[in-house]
PDB file of N, CA and C in Angstrom:
ATOM      1  N   MET A   1      16.673 -15.516  27.179  1.00  0.00           N
ATOM      2  CA  MET A   1      16.294 -14.505  26.202  1.00  0.00           C
ATOM      3  C   MET A   1      16.499 -15.084  24.808  1.00  0.00           C
ATOM      4  N   SER A   2      15.508 -14.926  23.942  1.00  0.00           N
ATOM      5  CA  SER A   2      15.624 -15.497  22.607  1.00  0.00           C
ATOM      6  C   SER A   2      16.476 -14.603  21.713  1.00  0.00           C
ATOM      7  N   LYS A   3      17.224 -15.234  20.874  1.00  0.00           N
ATOM      8  CA  LYS A   3      18.085 -14.505  19.952  1.00  0.00           C
ATOM      9  C   LYS A   3      17.268 -14.061  18.738  1.00  0.00           C
ATOM     10  N   VAL A   4      17.469 -12.830  18.327  1.00  0.00           N
ATOM     11  CA  VAL A   4      16.764 -12.292  17.169  1.00  0.00           C
ATOM     12  C   VAL A   4      17.395 -12.875  15.915  1.00  0.00           C
ATOM     13  N   LYS A   5      16.554 -13.409  15.039  1.00  0.00           N
ATOM     14  CA  LYS A   5      17.020 -14.047  13.809  1.00  0.00           C
ATOM     15  C   LYS A   5      17.450 -12.983  12.803  1.00  0.00           C
ATOM     16  N   LYS A   6      18.645 -13.141  12.262  1.00  0.00           N
ATOM     17  CA  LYS A   6      19.122 -12.209  11.249  1.00  0.00           C
ATOM     18  C   LYS A   6      18.602 -12.643   9.892  1.00  0.00           C
ATOM     19  N   GLN A   7      18.086 -11.681   9.154  1.00  0.00           N
ATOM     20  CA  GLN A   7      17.572 -11.986   7.827  1.00  0.00           C
ATOM     21  C   GLN A   7      18.260 -11.088   6.816  1.00  0.00           C
ATOM     22  N   GLY A   8      18.425 -11.618   5.637  1.00  0.00           N
ATOM     23  CA  GLY A   8      19.083 -10.879   4.576  1.00  0.00           C
ATOM     24  C   GLY A   8      18.100 -10.042   3.780  1.00  0.00           C
ATOM     25  N   PRO A   9      18.555  -9.515   2.654  1.00  0.00           N
ATOM     26  CA  PRO A   9      17.697  -8.672   1.821  1.00  0.00           C
ATOM     27  C   PRO A   9      16.555  -9.476   1.215  1.00  0.00           C
ATOM     28  N   LEU A  10      15.530  -8.745   0.819  1.00  0.00           N
ATOM     29  CA  LEU A  10      14.374  -9.365   0.166  1.00  0.00           C
ATOM     30  C   LEU A  10      14.674  -9.586  -1.306  1.00  0.00           C
ATOM     31  N   GLY A  11      13.962 -10.531  -1.884  1.00  0.00           N
ATOM     32  CA  GLY A  11      14.092 -10.762  -3.314  1.00  0.00           C
ATOM     33  C   GLY A  11      13.288  -9.728  -4.091  1.00  0.00           C
ATOM     34  N   LEU A  12      13.345  -9.832  -5.399  1.00  0.00           N
ATOM     35  CA  LEU A  12      12.584  -8.913  -6.240  1.00  0.00           C
ATOM     36  C   LEU A  12      11.090  -9.053  -5.987  1.00  0.00           C
ATOM     37  N   LYS A  13      10.387  -7.933  -5.993  1.00  0.00           N
ATOM     38  CA  LYS A  13       8.929  -7.871  -5.835  1.00  0.00           C
ATOM     39  C   LYS A  13       8.448  -8.381  -4.487  1.00  0.00           C
ATOM     40  N   GLN A  14       9.332  -8.466  -3.503  1.00  0.00           N
ATOM     41  CA  GLN A  14       8.915  -8.830  -2.149  1.00  0.00           C
ATOM     42  C   GLN A  14       8.741  -7.550  -1.355  1.00  0.00           C
ATOM     43  N   ARG A  15       7.828  -7.630  -0.374  1.00  0.00           N
ATOM     44  CA  ARG A  15       7.560  -6.471   0.479  1.00  0.00           C
ATOM     45  C   ARG A  15       8.017  -6.767   1.898  1.00  0.00           C
ATOM     46  N   TRP A  16       8.292  -5.722   2.632  1.00  0.00           N
ATOM     47  CA  TRP A  16       8.678  -5.863   4.024  1.00  0.00           C
ATOM     48  C   TRP A  16       7.426  -6.058   4.865  1.00  0.00           C
ATOM     49  N   SER A  17       7.299  -7.200   5.494  1.00  0.00           N
ATOM     50  CA  SER A  17       6.170  -7.452   6.383  1.00  0.00           C
ATOM     51  C   SER A  17       6.445  -6.763   7.722  1.00  0.00           C
ATOM     52  N   VAL A  18       5.405  -6.602   8.482  1.00  0.00           N
ATOM     53  CA  VAL A  18       5.546  -6.000   9.809  1.00  0.00           C
ATOM     54  C   VAL A  18       6.503  -6.836  10.654  1.00  0.00           C
ATOM     55  N   ARG A  19       6.370  -8.144  10.569  1.00  0.00           N
ATOM     56  CA  ARG A  19       7.218  -9.042  11.365  1.00  0.00           C
ATOM     57  C   ARG A  19       8.696  -8.852  11.025  1.00  0.00           C
ATOM     58  N   ARG A  20       9.006  -8.774   9.732  1.00  0.00           N
ATOM     59  CA  ARG A  20      10.409  -8.590   9.335  1.00  0.00           C
ATOM     60  C   ARG A  20      10.928  -7.233   9.787  1.00  0.00           C
ATOM     61  N   LYS A  21      10.087  -6.199   9.688  1.00  0.00           N
ATOM     62  CA  LYS A  21      10.499  -4.877  10.162  1.00  0.00           C
ATOM     63  C   LYS A  21      10.757  -4.912  11.665  1.00  0.00           C
ATOM     64  N   GLN A  22       9.894  -5.608  12.400  1.00  0.00           N
ATOM     65  CA  GLN A  22      10.076  -5.722  13.849  1.00  0.00           C
ATOM     66  C   GLN A  22      11.414  -6.383  14.167  1.00  0.00           C
ATOM     67  N   GLU A  23      11.722  -7.447  13.447  1.00  0.00           N
ATOM     68  CA  GLU A  23      12.980  -8.156  13.684  1.00  0.00           C
ATOM     69  C   GLU A  23      14.175  -7.236  13.453  1.00  0.00           C
ATOM     70  N   VAL A  24      14.129  -6.441  12.395  1.00  0.00           N
ATOM     71  CA  VAL A  24      15.230  -5.531  12.092  1.00  0.00           C
ATOM     72  C   VAL A  24      15.323  -4.444  13.166  1.00  0.00           C
ATOM     73  N   VAL A  25      14.187  -3.881  13.557  1.00  0.00           N
ATOM     74  CA  VAL A  25      14.187  -2.830  14.581  1.00  0.00           C
ATOM     75  C   VAL A  25      14.696  -3.383  15.913  1.00  0.00           C
ATOM     76  N   LEU A  26      14.312  -4.610  16.245  1.00  0.00           N
ATOM     77  CA  LEU A  26      14.809  -5.217  17.479  1.00  0.00           C
ATOM     78  C   LEU A  26      16.332  -5.363  17.451  1.00  0.00           C
ATOM     79  N   ARG A  27      16.855  -5.676  16.297  1.00  0.00           N
ATOM     80  CA  ARG A  27      18.316  -5.762  16.169  1.00  0.00           C
ATOM     81  C   ARG A  27      18.949  -4.408  16.473  1.00  0.00           C
ATOM     82  N   LEU A  28      18.325  -3.338  15.965  1.00  0.00           N
ATOM     83  CA  LEU A  28      18.857  -1.997  16.223  1.00  0.00           C
ATOM     84  C   LEU A  28      18.746  -1.642  17.701  1.00  0.00           C
ATOM     85  N   LEU A  29      17.612  -1.997  18.308  1.00  0.00           N
ATOM     86  CA  LEU A  29      17.405  -1.667  19.714  1.00  0.00           C
ATOM     87  C   LEU A  29      18.300  -2.463  20.656  1.00  0.00           C
ATOM     88  N   THR A  30      18.766  -3.621  20.200  1.00  0.00           N
ATOM     89  CA  THR A  30      19.671  -4.412  21.037  1.00  0.00           C
ATOM     90  C   THR A  30      21.125  -3.985  20.855  1.00  0.00           C
ATOM     91  N   GLY A  31      21.349  -2.968  20.031  1.00  0.00           N
ATOM     92  CA  GLY A  31      22.691  -2.392  19.942  1.00  0.00           C
ATOM     93  C   GLY A  31      23.482  -2.718  18.699  1.00  0.00           C
ATOM     94  N   GLU A  32      22.905  -3.435  17.753  1.00  0.00           N
ATOM     95  CA  GLU A  32      23.659  -3.712  16.523  1.00  0.00           C
ATOM     96  C   GLU A  32      23.864  -2.406  15.759  1.00  0.00           C
ATOM     97  N   PRO A  33      25.028  -2.231  15.163  1.00  0.00           N
ATOM     98  CA  PRO A  33      25.314  -0.989  14.436  1.00  0.00           C
ATOM     99  C   PRO A  33      24.361  -0.789  13.250  1.00  0.00           C
ATOM    100  N   LEU A  34      23.887   0.423  13.127  1.00  0.00           N
ATOM    101  CA  LEU A  34      22.926   0.777  12.090  1.00  0.00           C
ATOM    102  C   LEU A  34      23.467   0.498  10.690  1.00  0.00           C
ATOM    103  N   ASP A  35      24.710   0.877  10.440  1.00  0.00           N
ATOM    104  CA  ASP A  35      25.275   0.679   9.101  1.00  0.00           C
ATOM    105  C   ASP A  35      25.445  -0.801   8.765  1.00  0.00           C
ATOM    106  N   LEU A  36      25.774  -1.619   9.750  1.00  0.00           N
ATOM    107  CA  LEU A  36      25.919  -3.054   9.519  1.00  0.00           C
ATOM    108  C   LEU A  36      24.570  -3.686   9.164  1.00  0.00           C
ATOM    109  N   VAL A  37      23.554  -3.364   9.933  1.00  0.00           N
ATOM    110  CA  VAL A  37      22.214  -3.897   9.663  1.00  0.00           C
ATOM    111  C   VAL A  37      21.734  -3.408   8.303  1.00  0.00           C
ATOM    112  N   SER A  38      21.998  -2.156   7.987  1.00  0.00           N
ATOM    113  CA  SER A  38      21.595  -1.590   6.698  1.00  0.00           C
ATOM    114  C   SER A  38      22.188  -2.379   5.541  1.00  0.00           C
ATOM    115  N   ARG A  39      23.465  -2.705   5.634  1.00  0.00           N
ATOM    116  CA  ARG A  39      24.117  -3.483   4.563  1.00  0.00           C
ATOM    117  C   ARG A  39      23.555  -4.889   4.483  1.00  0.00           C
ATOM    118  N   GLU A  40      23.327  -5.524   5.645  1.00  0.00           N
ATOM    119  CA  GLU A  40      22.853  -6.910   5.647  1.00  0.00           C
ATOM    120  C   GLU A  40      21.456  -7.063   5.059  1.00  0.00           C
ATOM    121  N   VAL A  41      20.589  -6.114   5.333  1.00  0.00           N
ATOM    122  CA  VAL A  41      19.196  -6.248   4.870  1.00  0.00           C
ATOM    123  C   VAL A  41      18.904  -5.404   3.636  1.00  0.00           C
ATOM    124  N   SER A  42      19.912  -4.689   3.153  1.00  0.00           N
ATOM    125  CA  SER A  42      19.785  -3.849   1.953  1.00  0.00           C
ATOM    126  C   SER A  42      18.661  -2.829   2.077  1.00  0.00           C
ATOM    127  N   VAL A  43      18.650  -2.128   3.206  1.00  0.00           N
ATOM    128  CA  VAL A  43      17.697  -1.043   3.432  1.00  0.00           C
ATOM    129  C   VAL A  43      18.498   0.186   3.829  1.00  0.00           C
ATOM    130  N   GLU A  44      18.110   1.333   3.274  1.00  0.00           N
ATOM    131  CA  GLU A  44      18.830   2.567   3.541  1.00  0.00           C
ATOM    132  C   GLU A  44      18.810   2.908   5.033  1.00  0.00           C
ATOM    133  N   VAL A  45      19.879   3.560   5.494  1.00  0.00           N
ATOM    134  CA  VAL A  45      20.011   3.929   6.902  1.00  0.00           C
ATOM    135  C   VAL A  45      18.853   4.821   7.332  1.00  0.00           C
ATOM    136  N   TYR A  46      18.501   5.810   6.500  1.00  0.00           N
ATOM    137  CA  TYR A  46      17.428   6.730   6.885  1.00  0.00           C
ATOM    138  C   TYR A  46      16.108   5.981   7.092  1.00  0.00           C
ATOM    139  N   ARG A  47      15.863   4.942   6.291  1.00  0.00           N
ATOM    140  CA  ARG A  47      14.618   4.181   6.422  1.00  0.00           C
ATOM    141  C   ARG A  47      14.627   3.357   7.714  1.00  0.00           C
ATOM    142  N   LEU A  48      15.782   2.783   8.040  1.00  0.00           N
ATOM    143  CA  LEU A  48      15.897   2.033   9.298  1.00  0.00           C
ATOM    144  C   LEU A  48      15.689   2.956  10.498  1.00  0.00           C
ATOM    145  N   GLU A  49      16.247   4.154  10.419  1.00  0.00           N
ATOM    146  CA  GLU A  49      16.049   5.136  11.495  1.00  0.00           C
ATOM    147  C   GLU A  49      14.571   5.495  11.635  1.00  0.00           C
ATOM    148  N   GLU A  50      13.902   5.622  10.498  1.00  0.00           N
ATOM    149  CA  GLU A  50      12.465   5.933  10.505  1.00  0.00           C
ATOM    150  C   GLU A  50      11.675   4.798  11.159  1.00  0.00           C
ATOM    151  N   TRP A  51      11.981   3.562  10.794  1.00  0.00           N
ATOM    152  CA  TRP A  51      11.299   2.404  11.395  1.00  0.00           C
ATOM    153  C   TRP A  51      11.524   2.372  12.904  1.00  0.00           C
ATOM    154  N   ARG A  52      12.782   2.609  13.308  1.00  0.00           N
ATOM    155  CA  ARG A  52      13.114   2.598  14.741  1.00  0.00           C
ATOM    156  C   ARG A  52      12.353   3.707  15.486  1.00  0.00           C
ATOM    157  N   ASP A  53      12.334   4.907  14.910  1.00  0.00           N
ATOM    158  CA  ASP A  53      11.652   6.032  15.558  1.00  0.00           C
ATOM    159  C   ASP A  53      10.146   5.776  15.669  1.00  0.00           C
ATOM    160  N   ARG A  54       9.563   5.209  14.614  1.00  0.00           N
ATOM    161  CA  ARG A  54       8.125   4.894  14.648  1.00  0.00           C
ATOM    162  C   ARG A  54       7.828   3.808  15.682  1.00  0.00           C
ATOM    163  N   ALA A  55       8.715   2.835  15.792  1.00  0.00           N
ATOM    164  CA  ALA A  55       8.522   1.766  16.781  1.00  0.00           C
ATOM    165  C   ALA A  55       8.603   2.328  18.195  1.00  0.00           C
ATOM    166  N   LEU A  56       9.553   3.210  18.434  1.00  0.00           N
ATOM    167  CA  LEU A  56       9.682   3.814  19.756  1.00  0.00           C
ATOM    168  C   LEU A  56       8.484   4.699  20.086  1.00  0.00           C
ATOM    169  N   ALA A  57       7.974   5.420  19.088  1.00  0.00           N
ATOM    170  CA  ALA A  57       6.792   6.256  19.314  1.00  0.00           C
ATOM    171  C   ALA A  57       5.585   5.391  19.642  1.00  0.00           C
ATOM    172  N   GLY A  58       5.447   4.260  18.937  1.00  0.00           N
ATOM    173  CA  GLY A  58       4.343   3.334  19.220  1.00  0.00           C
ATOM    174  C   GLY A  58       4.457   2.729  20.605  1.00  0.00           C
ATOM    175  N   MET A  59       5.678   2.448  21.021  1.00  0.00           N
ATOM    176  CA  MET A  59       5.891   1.883  22.347  1.00  0.00           C
ATOM    177  C   MET A  59       5.520   2.920  23.412  1.00  0.00           C
ATOM    178  N   ALA A  60       5.909   4.156  23.200  1.00  0.00           N
ATOM    179  CA  ALA A  60       5.586   5.220  24.154  1.00  0.00           C
ATOM    180  C   ALA A  60       4.070   5.383  24.271  1.00  0.00           C
ATOM    181  N   GLU A  61       3.395   5.329  23.138  1.00  0.00           N
ATOM    182  CA  GLU A  61       1.929   5.454  23.146  1.00  0.00           C
ATOM    183  C   GLU A  61       1.293   4.281  23.877  1.00  0.00           C
ATOM    184  N   GLY A  62       1.807   3.100  23.661  1.00  0.00           N
ATOM    185  CA  GLY A  62       1.278   1.916  24.336  1.00  0.00           C
ATOM    186  C   GLY A  62       1.472   1.970  25.844  1.00  0.00           C
ATOM    187  N   LEU A  63       2.581   2.531  26.272  1.00  0.00           N
ATOM    188  CA  LEU A  63       2.852   2.631  27.701  1.00  0.00           C
ATOM    189  C   LEU A  63       2.081   3.762  28.365  1.00  0.00           C
ATOM    190  N   ARG A  64       1.564   4.667  27.560  1.00  0.00           N
ATOM    191  CA  ARG A  64       0.789   5.785  28.082  1.00  0.00           C
ATOM    192  C   ARG A  64      -0.610   5.345  28.511  1.00  0.00           C
ATOM    193  N   ASP A  65      -1.034   4.176  28.080  1.00  0.00           N
ATOM    194  CA  ASP A  65      -2.345   3.637  28.417  1.00  0.00           C
ATOM    195  C   ASP A  65      -2.516   3.574  29.927  1.00  0.00           C
ATOM    196  N   ARG A  66      -3.623   4.122  30.406  1.00  0.00           N
ATOM    197  CA  ARG A  66      -3.873   4.153  31.845  1.00  0.00           C
ATOM    198  C   ARG A  66      -5.010   3.201  32.175  1.00  0.00           C
ATOM    199  N   THR A  67      -4.712   1.919  32.135  1.00  0.00           N
ATOM    200  CA  THR A  67      -5.698   0.897  32.428  1.00  0.00           C
ATOM    201  C   THR A  67      -6.108   0.997  33.890  1.00  0.00           C
ATOM    202  N   GLY A  68      -7.415   0.927  34.116  1.00  0.00           N
ATOM    203  CA  GLY A  68      -7.910   0.945  35.484  1.00  0.00           C
ATOM    204  C   GLY A  68      -8.069   2.334  36.060  1.00  0.00           C
ATOM    205  N   ASP A  69      -7.921   3.366  35.247  1.00  0.00           N
ATOM    206  CA  ASP A  69      -8.093   4.736  35.717  1.00  0.00           C
ATOM    207  C   ASP A  69      -9.564   4.962  36.047  1.00  0.00           C
ATOM    208  N   PRO A  70      -9.916   5.281  37.308  1.00  0.00           N
ATOM    209  CA  PRO A  70     -11.323   5.440  37.686  1.00  0.00           C
ATOM    210  C   PRO A  70     -12.010   6.571  36.923  1.00  0.00           C
ATOM    211  N   LEU A  71     -11.292   7.626  36.613  1.00  0.00           N
ATOM    212  CA  LEU A  71     -11.883   8.735  35.869  1.00  0.00           C
ATOM    213  C   LEU A  71     -12.249   8.294  34.450  1.00  0.00           C
ATOM    214  N   GLU A  72     -11.360   7.526  33.829  1.00  0.00           N
ATOM    215  CA  GLU A  72     -11.622   7.016  32.474  1.00  0.00           C
ATOM    216  C   GLU A  72     -12.808   6.056  32.488  1.00  0.00           C
ATOM    217  N   THR A  73     -12.902   5.219  33.506  1.00  0.00           N
ATOM    218  CA  THR A  73     -14.016   4.279  33.642  1.00  0.00           C
ATOM    219  C   THR A  73     -15.338   5.033  33.785  1.00  0.00           C
ATOM    220  N   GLU A  74     -15.322   6.073  34.608  1.00  0.00           N
ATOM    221  CA  GLU A  74     -16.533   6.878  34.808  1.00  0.00           C
ATOM    222  C   GLU A  74     -16.939   7.598  33.524  1.00  0.00           C
ATOM    223  N   LEU A  75     -15.961   8.106  32.785  1.00  0.00           N
ATOM    224  CA  LEU A  75     -16.237   8.786  31.521  1.00  0.00           C
ATOM    225  C   LEU A  75     -16.834   7.817  30.499  1.00  0.00           C
ATOM    226  N   ASP A  76     -16.276   6.618  30.404  1.00  0.00           N
ATOM    227  CA  ASP A  76     -16.817   5.607  29.490  1.00  0.00           C
ATOM    228  C   ASP A  76     -18.255   5.257  29.848  1.00  0.00           C
ATOM    229  N   SER A  77     -18.526   5.139  31.135  1.00  0.00           N
ATOM    230  CA  SER A  77     -19.880   4.828  31.592  1.00  0.00           C
ATOM    231  C   SER A  77     -20.838   5.959  31.222  1.00  0.00           C
ATOM    232  N   ALA A  78     -20.415   7.189  31.413  1.00  0.00           N
ATOM    233  CA  ALA A  78     -21.259   8.343  31.071  1.00  0.00           C
ATOM    234  C   ALA A  78     -21.530   8.393  29.566  1.00  0.00           C
ATOM    235  N   LYS A  79     -20.521   8.100  28.757  1.00  0.00           N
ATOM    236  CA  LYS A  79     -20.704   8.095  27.298  1.00  0.00           C
ATOM    237  C   LYS A  79     -21.710   7.024  26.878  1.00  0.00           C
ATOM    238  N   ARG A  80     -21.616   5.849  27.493  1.00  0.00           N
ATOM    239  CA  ARG A  80     -22.579   4.785  27.191  1.00  0.00           C
ATOM    240  C   ARG A  80     -23.993   5.210  27.566  1.00  0.00           C
ATOM    241  N   HIS A  81     -24.131   5.837  28.712  1.00  0.00           N
ATOM    242  CA  HIS A  81     -25.453   6.277  29.180  1.00  0.00           C
ATOM    243  C   HIS A  81     -26.032   7.335  28.237  1.00  0.00           C
ATOM    244  N   ILE A  82     -25.202   8.265  27.801  1.00  0.00           N
ATOM    245  CA  ILE A  82     -25.649   9.292  26.850  1.00  0.00           C
ATOM    246  C   ILE A  82     -26.091   8.646  25.553  1.00  0.00           C
ATOM    247  N   GLY A  83     -25.355   7.667  25.081  1.00  0.00           N
ATOM    248  CA  GLY A  83     -25.732   6.955  23.854  1.00  0.00           C
ATOM    249  C   GLY A  83     -27.073   6.255  24.001  1.00  0.00           C
ATOM    250  N   GLU A  84     -27.280   5.608  25.145  1.00  0.00           N
ATOM    251  CA  GLU A  84     -28.556   4.922  25.380  1.00  0.00           C
ATOM    252  C   GLU A  84     -29.714   5.911  25.419  1.00  0.00           C
ATOM    253  N   LEU A  85     -29.505   7.050  26.091  1.00  0.00           N
ATOM    254  CA  LEU A  85     -30.564   8.064  26.161  1.00  0.00           C
ATOM    255  C   LEU A  85     -30.865   8.653  24.784  1.00  0.00           C
ATOM    256  N   SER A  86     -29.843   8.866  23.992  1.00  0.00           N
ATOM    257  CA  SER A  86     -30.047   9.403  22.642  1.00  0.00           C
ATOM    258  C   SER A  86     -30.866   8.430  21.793  1.00  0.00           C
ATOM    259  N   MET A  87     -30.531   7.138  21.886  1.00  0.00           N
ATOM    260  CA  MET A  87     -31.292   6.141  21.123  1.00  0.00           C
ATOM    261  C   MET A  87     -32.736   6.076  21.615  1.00  0.00           C
ATOM    262  N   GLU A  88     -32.933   6.142  22.921  1.00  0.00           N
ATOM    263  CA  GLU A  88     -34.280   6.103  23.480  1.00  0.00           C
ATOM    264  C   GLU A  88     -35.097   7.298  23.004  1.00  0.00           C
ATOM    265  N   ASN A  89     -34.493   8.483  23.010  1.00  0.00           N
ATOM    266  CA  ASN A  89     -35.187   9.677  22.515  1.00  0.00           C
ATOM    267  C   ASN A  89     -35.581   9.528  21.053  1.00  0.00           C
ATOM    268  N   GLU A  90     -34.690   9.011  20.251  1.00  0.00           N
ATOM    269  CA  GLU A  90     -34.980   8.823  18.832  1.00  0.00           C
ATOM    270  C   GLU A  90     -36.145   7.849  18.636  1.00  0.00           C
ATOM    271  N   LEU A  91     -36.131   6.753  19.383  1.00  0.00           N
ATOM    272  CA  LEU A  91     -37.223   5.781  19.278  1.00  0.00           C
ATOM    273  C   LEU A  91     -38.553   6.386  19.726  1.00  0.00           C
ATOM    274  N   LEU A  92     -38.531   7.159  20.789  1.00  0.00           N
ATOM    275  CA  LEU A  92     -39.761   7.798  21.271  1.00  0.00           C
ATOM    276  C   LEU A  92     -40.294   8.806  20.258  1.00  0.00           C
ATOM    277  N   ARG A  93     -39.403   9.546  19.606  1.00  0.00           N
ATOM    278  CA  ARG A  93     -39.848  10.506  18.572  1.00  0.00           C
ATOM    279  C   ARG A  93     -40.494   9.774  17.395  1.00  0.00           C
ATOM    280  N   LYS A  94     -39.879   8.674  16.971  1.00  0.00           N
ATOM    281  CA  LYS A  94     -40.449   7.907  15.859  1.00  0.00           C
ATOM    282  C   LYS A  94     -41.808   7.332  16.240  1.00  0.00           C
ATOM    283  N   GLU A  95     -41.919   6.825  17.460  1.00  0.00           N
ATOM    284  CA  GLU A  95     -43.187   6.270  17.927  1.00  0.00           C
ATOM    285  C   GLU A  95     -44.257   7.358  17.975  1.00  0.00           C
ATOM    286  N   ARG A  96     -43.892   8.537  18.458  1.00  0.00           N
ATOM    287  CA  ARG A  96     -44.835   9.658  18.506  1.00  0.00           C
ATOM    288  C   ARG A  96     -45.300  10.032  17.101  1.00  0.00           C
ATOM    289  N   ASP A  97     -44.381  10.093  16.156  1.00  0.00           N
ATOM    290  CA  ASP A  97     -44.727  10.458  14.788  1.00  0.00           C
ATOM    291  C   ASP A  97     -45.622   9.413  14.135  1.00  0.00           C
ATOM    292  N   LEU A  98     -45.441   8.153  14.477  1.00  0.00           N
ATOM    293  CA  LEU A  98     -46.293   7.095  13.917  1.00  0.00           C
ATOM    294  C   LEU A  98     -47.707   7.170  14.486  1.00  0.00           C
ATOM    295  N   ARG A  99     -47.849   7.564  15.730  1.00  0.00           N
ATOM    296  CA  ARG A  99     -49.177   7.648  16.363  1.00  0.00           C
ATOM    297  C   ARG A  99     -49.982   8.831  15.851  1.00  0.00           C
ATOM    298  N   SER A 100     -49.338   9.945  15.667  1.00  0.00           N
ATOM    299  CA  SER A 100     -50.060  11.129  15.199  1.00  0.00           C
ATOM    300  C   SER A 100     -49.210  11.902  14.199  1.00  0.00           C
ATOM    301  N   PRO A 101     -49.145  11.412  12.972  1.00  0.00           N
ATOM    302  CA  PRO A 101     -48.272  12.038  11.983  1.00  0.00           C
ATOM    303  C   PRO A 101     -48.751  13.421  11.552  1.00  0.00           C
ATOM    304  N   LEU A 102     -50.031  13.708  11.680  1.00  0.00           N
ATOM    305  CA  LEU A 102     -50.546  14.995  11.227  1.00  0.00           C
ATOM    306  C   LEU A 102     -50.435  16.068  12.300  1.00  0.00           C
ATOM    307  N   ARG A 103     -50.168  15.708  13.502  1.00  0.00           N
ATOM    308  CA  ARG A 103     -50.126  16.663  14.596  1.00  0.00           C
ATOM    309  C   ARG A 103     -49.034  17.713  14.414  1.00  0.00           C
ATOM    310  N   LEU A 104     -47.960  17.367  13.761  1.00  0.00           N
ATOM    311  CA  LEU A 104     -46.864  18.308  13.582  1.00  0.00           C
ATOM    312  C   LEU A 104     -47.102  19.269  12.424  1.00  0.00           C
ATOM    313  N   ARG A 105     -47.988  18.920  11.522  1.00  0.00           N
ATOM    314  CA  ARG A 105     -48.261  19.774  10.351  1.00  0.00           C
ATOM    315  C   ARG A 105     -49.260  20.849  10.693  1.00  0.00           C
ATOM    316  N   ARG A 106     -49.100  22.004  10.099  1.00  0.00           N
ATOM    317  CA  ARG A 106     -50.038  23.101  10.279  1.00  0.00           C
ATOM    318  C   ARG A 106     -50.979  23.163   9.085  1.00  0.00           C
ATOM    319  N   SER A 107     -52.134  23.626   9.348  1.00  0.00           N
ATOM    320  CA  SER A 107     -53.122  23.785   8.293  1.00  0.00           C
ATOM    321  C   SER A 107     -52.718  24.927   7.380  1.00  0.00           C
ATOM    322  N   ARG A 108     -53.017  24.773   6.090  1.00  0.00           N
ATOM    323  CA  ARG A 108     -52.656  25.840   5.123  1.00  0.00           C
ATOM    324  C   ARG A 108     -53.851  26.752   4.859  1.00  0.00           C
ATOM    325  N   LYS A 109     -54.885  26.647   5.607  1.00  0.00           N
ATOM    326  CA  LYS A 109     -56.075  27.483   5.364  1.00  0.00           C
ATOM    327  C   LYS A 109     -55.878  28.895   5.786  1.00  0.00           C
TER     328      LYS A 109
END
């Protein structure tokens, strides 16, 4: 198992990259005390808690993915078919209008 690299606070005008946030959150998830990490990286406890909660929510969403679900596969196929039919209808309407553009208009007499 690889050891998570500890990083200190950022310098002036530096931003927290996703990678650095991940490293800090991983430290929290591996059991390092929140207040200790907060002091080391100079980030408020509430912000670290927010990062951790967002990471856990993202993980839960990622695990909710139902890859290979036959119902989802069938639904995707049906959506593609509907899209193809809609495009075909649109093309046929345009072709019809080009062949007889006056047919849809009524006489004003």
